[in-house]
Amino acid sequence: MKNGVSLLVVILAISIMLVLISTASIIGTRAIITANFDEFNLTLKRVSDEVNQYYIENNELPIRVENINIESYSELYSYISKKTNDTGANFYVVDLDKLNDNTIQKGRGQTSSLDVFIVAENSHNIYYLAGFTYNKEKYFGLSK
């Protein structure tokens, strides 16, 4: 009788571990992507709520003077055309400094880096210029 572990048992154990590790990493990656998308939606909702609150208190939008031509951003324009009625609206960059919420990290850049929130003047809908890709679809506004 031999003492020890056969090569077949070692290969089988390693194979089982590889399957378990692969499955766990796929599930973990999907969970992270979903969590990031949820955070994207929560940030958009928070900015939207704060913009509306600012408008109620000040009777003006918390914007920079910068007007955005959304037709020059083809993906955003396509998204707005399909999902909302904002295609004819004027769009402006949201000035997050006027909202006095330092917890919002996104949207503090420039239009050239696409790291800004924009607001439709008539509906007050908020969009993130860079967007967020989730399940092979790009979102710029709240997913409903």
Protein backbone atom coordinates (compact mmCIF):
# COMPACT_ATOMS: atom_id res chain seq x y z
CA MET A 1 0.00 0.00 0.00
CA LYS A 2 1.32 3.44 -0.97
CA ASN A 3 1.26 6.47 1.30
CA GLY A 4 0.57 9.92 -0.16
CA VAL A 5 -1.69 11.59 -2.66
CA SER A 6 -1.98 10.49 -6.23
CA LEU A 7 -1.44 12.90 -9.08
CA LEU A 8 -5.04 12.41 -10.17
CA VAL A 9 -6.38 13.66 -6.81
CA VAL A 10 -4.15 16.75 -6.97
CA ILE A 11 -5.28 17.60 -10.52
CA LEU A 12 -8.92 17.12 -9.55
CA ALA A 13 -8.57 19.38 -6.50
CA ILE A 14 -6.85 22.11 -8.51
CA SER A 15 -9.53 21.91 -11.22
CA ILE A 16 -12.31 22.32 -8.66
CA MET A 17 -10.55 25.31 -7.08
CA LEU A 18 -10.09 26.98 -10.48
CA VAL A 19 -13.79 26.61 -11.28
CA LEU A 20 -14.75 28.09 -7.90
CA ILE A 21 -12.32 30.99 -8.24
CA SER A 22 -13.51 31.78 -11.79
CA THR A 23 -17.14 31.75 -10.73
CA ALA A 24 -16.49 33.96 -7.72
CA SER A 25 -14.53 36.52 -9.77
CA ILE A 26 -17.28 36.75 -12.41
CA ILE A 27 -19.96 37.23 -9.77
CA GLY A 28 -17.81 39.75 -7.91
CA THR A 29 -17.10 41.77 -11.05
CA ARG A 30 -20.80 41.96 -11.92
CA ALA A 31 -21.63 43.04 -8.39
CA ILE A 32 -19.06 45.84 -8.56
CA ILE A 33 -20.38 47.08 -11.92
CA THR A 34 -23.96 47.03 -10.63
CA ALA A 35 -22.93 48.89 -7.47
CA ASN A 36 -21.17 51.55 -9.58
CA PHE A 37 -24.28 51.97 -11.73
CA ASP A 38 -26.44 52.31 -8.62
CA GLU A 39 -24.03 54.97 -7.32
CA PHE A 40 -24.26 56.78 -10.68
CA ASN A 41 -28.07 56.87 -10.42
CA LEU A 42 -27.99 57.98 -6.78
CA THR A 43 -25.61 60.83 -7.63
CA LEU A 44 -27.83 61.95 -10.50
CA LYS A 45 -30.89 61.83 -8.24
CA ARG A 46 -29.12 63.82 -5.53
CA VAL A 47 -27.93 66.48 -7.99
CA SER A 48 -31.43 66.65 -9.46
CA ASP A 49 -33.03 67.08 -6.04
CA GLU A 50 -30.54 69.77 -5.05
CA VAL A 51 -30.93 71.66 -8.34
CA ASN A 52 -34.71 71.68 -7.87
CA GLN A 53 -34.36 72.81 -4.25
CA TYR A 54 -31.99 75.60 -5.32
CA TYR A 55 -34.47 76.66 -8.00
CA ILE A 56 -37.33 76.79 -5.47
CA GLU A 57 -35.29 78.89 -3.05
CA ASN A 58 -33.65 81.24 -5.60
CA ASN A 59 -35.97 81.22 -8.61
CA GLU A 60 -33.01 80.47 -10.87
CA LEU A 61 -30.99 77.41 -11.82
CA PRO A 62 -27.55 76.88 -10.21
CA ILE A 63 -25.67 77.08 -13.50
CA ARG A 64 -22.54 78.40 -15.06
CA VAL A 65 -23.06 80.86 -17.89
CA GLU A 66 -21.85 78.16 -20.30
CA ASN A 67 -24.57 77.01 -22.73
CA ILE A 68 -24.14 73.46 -24.09
CA ASN A 69 -25.01 72.51 -27.66
CA ILE A 70 -26.04 68.89 -27.13
CA GLU A 71 -26.12 68.22 -30.87
CA SER A 72 -22.31 68.32 -30.80
CA TYR A 73 -22.39 65.34 -28.39
CA SER A 74 -23.93 62.70 -30.66
CA GLU A 75 -24.32 59.92 -28.07
CA LEU A 76 -25.95 62.28 -25.58
CA TYR A 77 -28.19 63.78 -28.25
CA SER A 78 -29.31 60.31 -29.36
CA TYR A 79 -30.01 59.34 -25.75
CA ILE A 80 -32.05 62.48 -25.08
CA SER A 81 -33.96 62.06 -28.35
CA LYS A 82 -34.97 58.51 -27.43
CA LYS A 83 -35.60 58.88 -23.70
CA THR A 84 -36.93 62.40 -23.08
CA ASN A 85 -38.60 65.44 -24.63
CA ASP A 86 -35.61 67.70 -23.94
CA THR A 87 -34.19 67.88 -27.48
CA GLY A 88 -35.31 71.48 -28.05
CA ALA A 89 -34.25 72.72 -24.63
CA ASN A 90 -31.37 74.96 -23.66
CA PHE A 91 -28.74 73.08 -21.65
CA TYR A 92 -26.39 74.59 -19.09
CA VAL A 93 -23.55 73.29 -16.95
CA VAL A 94 -24.60 72.84 -13.31
CA ASP A 95 -22.43 74.85 -10.91
CA LEU A 96 -22.02 72.41 -8.02
CA ASP A 97 -20.38 75.11 -5.89
CA LYS A 98 -23.74 76.87 -5.71
CA LEU A 99 -25.31 73.72 -4.27
CA ASN A 100 -22.90 73.69 -1.30
CA ASP A 101 -22.61 69.88 -1.35
CA ASN A 102 -18.96 68.86 -1.18
CA THR A 103 -19.84 65.15 -1.06
CA ILE A 104 -20.57 65.06 -4.80
CA GLN A 105 -17.26 64.22 -6.46
CA LYS A 106 -18.33 63.78 -10.09
CA GLY A 107 -19.24 66.75 -12.21
CA ARG A 108 -16.64 69.18 -10.96
CA GLY A 109 -14.55 69.20 -14.13
CA GLN A 110 -14.86 70.98 -17.45
CA THR A 111 -16.92 70.26 -20.56
CA SER A 112 -13.72 69.32 -22.39
CA SER A 113 -13.22 66.41 -19.96
CA LEU A 114 -16.97 65.59 -20.04
CA ASP A 115 -16.93 65.64 -16.23
CA VAL A 116 -19.91 67.95 -15.76
CA PHE A 117 -23.60 67.70 -15.03
CA ILE A 118 -25.89 69.58 -17.36
CA VAL A 119 -29.47 70.66 -16.80
CA ALA A 120 -32.27 71.12 -19.32
CA GLU A 121 -33.68 74.60 -18.75
CA ASN A 122 -37.35 73.73 -19.26
CA SER A 123 -37.65 70.34 -17.49
CA HIS A 124 -34.73 70.60 -15.03
CA ASN A 125 -33.67 67.08 -16.04
CA ILE A 126 -30.06 66.38 -15.10
CA TYR A 127 -27.57 64.58 -17.34
CA TYR A 128 -23.94 63.59 -16.87
CA LEU A 129 -21.98 64.53 -19.97
CA ALA A 130 -19.57 61.55 -19.79
CA GLY A 131 -22.38 59.05 -19.26
CA PHE A 132 -22.11 55.58 -17.76
CA THR A 133 -22.03 52.28 -19.67
CA TYR A 134 -24.01 49.48 -18.06
CA ASN A 135 -25.01 46.20 -19.73
CA LYS A 136 -23.73 47.47 -23.09
CA GLU A 137 -25.97 50.54 -22.97
CA LYS A 138 -24.83 54.08 -22.24
CA TYR A 139 -26.81 56.15 -19.75
CA PHE A 140 -26.54 59.90 -19.38
CA GLY A 141 -29.55 60.51 -17.15
CA LEU A 142 -31.50 58.60 -14.56
CA SER A 143 -32.45 55.10 -15.64
CA LYS A 144 -36.14 54.60 -15.07
